[in-house]
């Protein structure tokens, strides 16, 4: 990768989940694209692409799956908003996830991204696991 792309990637690593969600919305508006379809395709492709390093142990795991395990009825709306922002999905798709837990929210997430997602969802009252 060239220096310009490396700088962009390093800058993206510093974003919070909310900032990343805002960035996605801005990219959609500026370039007239719909990322909701590609997000699922990328999430499904990432584990297949990362599956090549069979020699890695648990300590060296670099991608994680974030699963929403439980949503209290009185916290559903707050968690729904977080799911929408974190996944980039529409309202209907996000509601289906929240209504049918346990569900995997993100596959192939980095450790930092998985931890941030977990903290945000748990602060809202949900129960989350990372595998």
Protein backbone atom coordinates (compact mmCIF):
# COMPACT_ATOMS: atom_id res chain seq x y z
CA UNK A 1 0.00 0.00 0.00
CA UNK A 2 1.30 3.49 -0.72
CA UNK A 3 1.99 6.14 1.92
CA UNK A 4 -1.23 8.05 1.26
CA UNK A 5 -3.36 4.96 1.89
CA UNK A 6 -1.33 3.99 4.95
CA UNK A 7 -1.93 7.44 6.44
CA UNK A 8 -5.68 7.15 5.80
CA UNK A 9 -5.83 3.68 7.38
CA UNK A 10 -3.91 4.86 10.44
CA UNK A 11 -6.27 7.82 10.82
CA UNK A 12 -9.32 5.52 10.51
CA UNK A 13 -8.00 3.35 13.35
CA UNK A 14 -8.34 6.30 15.73
CA UNK A 15 -12.07 6.85 15.08
CA UNK A 16 -14.71 6.02 17.66
CA UNK A 17 -17.72 3.95 16.57
CA UNK A 18 -19.89 7.04 16.34
CA UNK A 19 -17.28 8.87 14.26
CA UNK A 20 -16.96 5.83 11.97
CA UNK A 21 -20.74 5.68 11.54
CA UNK A 22 -20.81 9.39 10.70
CA UNK A 23 -18.00 8.84 8.18
CA UNK A 24 -19.98 6.08 6.49
CA UNK A 25 -23.06 8.31 6.24
CA UNK A 26 -20.96 11.15 4.80
CA UNK A 27 -19.37 8.82 2.22
CA UNK A 28 -22.84 7.59 1.23
CA UNK A 29 -24.06 11.16 0.73
CA UNK A 30 -20.99 12.53 -1.04
CA UNK A 31 -20.47 9.60 -3.41
CA UNK A 32 -24.09 8.51 -3.76
CA UNK A 33 -23.46 4.92 -2.66
CA UNK A 34 -25.31 2.51 -0.39
CA UNK A 35 -22.90 0.76 1.98
CA UNK A 36 -25.54 -1.37 3.69
CA UNK A 37 -25.16 -4.10 1.06
CA UNK A 38 -21.36 -4.06 0.97
CA UNK A 39 -21.00 -4.12 4.76
CA UNK A 40 -22.43 -7.65 4.91
CA UNK A 41 -20.35 -8.79 1.95
CA UNK A 42 -17.17 -7.42 3.49
CA UNK A 43 -17.96 -8.95 6.88
CA UNK A 44 -18.51 -12.33 5.27
CA UNK A 45 -15.36 -12.08 3.14
CA UNK A 46 -13.04 -11.01 5.95
CA UNK A 47 -13.02 -14.29 7.91
CA UNK A 48 -12.33 -16.20 4.70
CA UNK A 49 -9.47 -13.88 3.83
CA UNK A 50 -7.99 -14.04 7.33
CA UNK A 51 -8.30 -17.80 7.64
CA UNK A 52 -4.90 -18.41 6.06
CA UNK A 53 -2.78 -18.09 9.21
CA UNK A 54 -3.53 -21.50 10.66
CA UNK A 55 -0.49 -21.41 12.96
CA UNK A 56 -1.81 -18.62 15.20
CA UNK A 57 -2.71 -19.27 18.83
CA UNK A 58 -5.43 -17.68 20.93
CA UNK A 59 -3.14 -14.85 22.06
CA UNK A 60 -2.46 -13.86 18.46
CA UNK A 61 -6.05 -13.75 17.31
CA UNK A 62 -6.59 -10.56 15.33
CA UNK A 63 -10.25 -10.75 14.35
CA UNK A 64 -13.23 -11.21 16.61
CA UNK A 65 -16.96 -11.78 16.29
CA UNK A 66 -19.20 -9.53 18.38
CA UNK A 67 -22.47 -11.18 19.42
CA UNK A 68 -25.44 -9.44 21.00
CA UNK A 69 -26.66 -12.03 23.52
CA UNK A 70 -29.42 -10.31 25.47
CA UNK A 71 -31.51 -7.14 25.26
CA UNK A 72 -33.71 -6.08 28.20
CA UNK A 73 -37.12 -4.93 27.01
CA UNK A 74 -36.76 -1.51 28.62
CA UNK A 75 -33.40 -0.91 26.88
CA UNK A 76 -34.42 -2.01 23.38
CA UNK A 77 -34.60 1.43 21.73
CA UNK A 78 -31.21 2.58 23.05
CA UNK A 79 -29.57 -0.66 21.95
CA UNK A 80 -31.32 -0.50 18.57
CA UNK A 81 -29.75 2.92 17.93
CA UNK A 82 -26.29 1.62 18.79
CA UNK A 83 -26.74 -1.44 16.57
CA UNK A 84 -27.76 0.80 13.66
CA UNK A 85 -24.75 3.06 14.10
CA UNK A 86 -22.27 0.25 14.66
CA UNK A 87 -23.39 -1.94 11.78
CA UNK A 88 -24.57 0.64 9.26
CA UNK A 89 -27.78 -1.36 8.77
CA UNK A 90 -31.21 0.14 8.27
CA UNK A 91 -33.88 0.38 10.95
CA UNK A 92 -35.71 -2.79 9.88
CA UNK A 93 -32.55 -4.95 9.79
CA UNK A 94 -31.31 -3.56 13.10
CA UNK A 95 -34.69 -4.19 14.74
CA UNK A 96 -34.62 -7.80 13.52
CA UNK A 97 -31.23 -8.29 15.18
CA UNK A 98 -32.35 -6.74 18.48
CA UNK A 99 -35.61 -8.73 18.47
CA UNK A 100 -33.94 -12.08 17.69
CA UNK A 101 -30.93 -12.31 19.99
CA UNK A 102 -28.42 -13.91 20.19
CA UNK A 103 -27.14 -12.52 16.87
CA UNK A 104 -23.68 -11.80 15.53
CA UNK A 105 -23.37 -8.04 15.01
CA UNK A 106 -19.93 -7.93 13.46
CA UNK A 107 -17.61 -10.60 12.13
CA UNK A 108 -13.88 -10.07 11.74
CA UNK A 109 -13.71 -6.98 13.96
CA UNK A 110 -10.40 -5.80 15.38
CA UNK A 111 -9.85 -6.20 19.12
CA UNK A 112 -10.23 -2.45 19.69
CA UNK A 113 -13.40 -2.25 17.59
CA UNK A 114 -14.91 -5.30 19.30
CA UNK A 115 -14.12 -3.93 22.77
CA UNK A 116 -15.56 -0.51 21.90
CA UNK A 117 -18.74 -2.08 20.55
CA UNK A 118 -19.09 -4.28 23.62
CA UNK A 119 -18.59 -1.36 26.02
CA UNK A 120 -21.11 0.85 24.20
CA UNK A 121 -23.77 -1.89 24.11
CA UNK A 122 -23.20 -2.94 27.72
CA UNK A 123 -23.39 0.69 28.86
CA UNK A 124 -26.82 0.81 27.19
CA UNK A 125 -27.90 -2.34 29.09
CA UNK A 126 -27.27 -5.15 26.62
CA UNK A 127 -25.25 -8.31 27.13
CA UNK A 128 -22.49 -8.90 24.58
CA UNK A 129 -19.89 -11.60 23.96
CA UNK A 130 -16.74 -11.52 21.88
CA UNK A 131 -15.42 -14.70 20.31
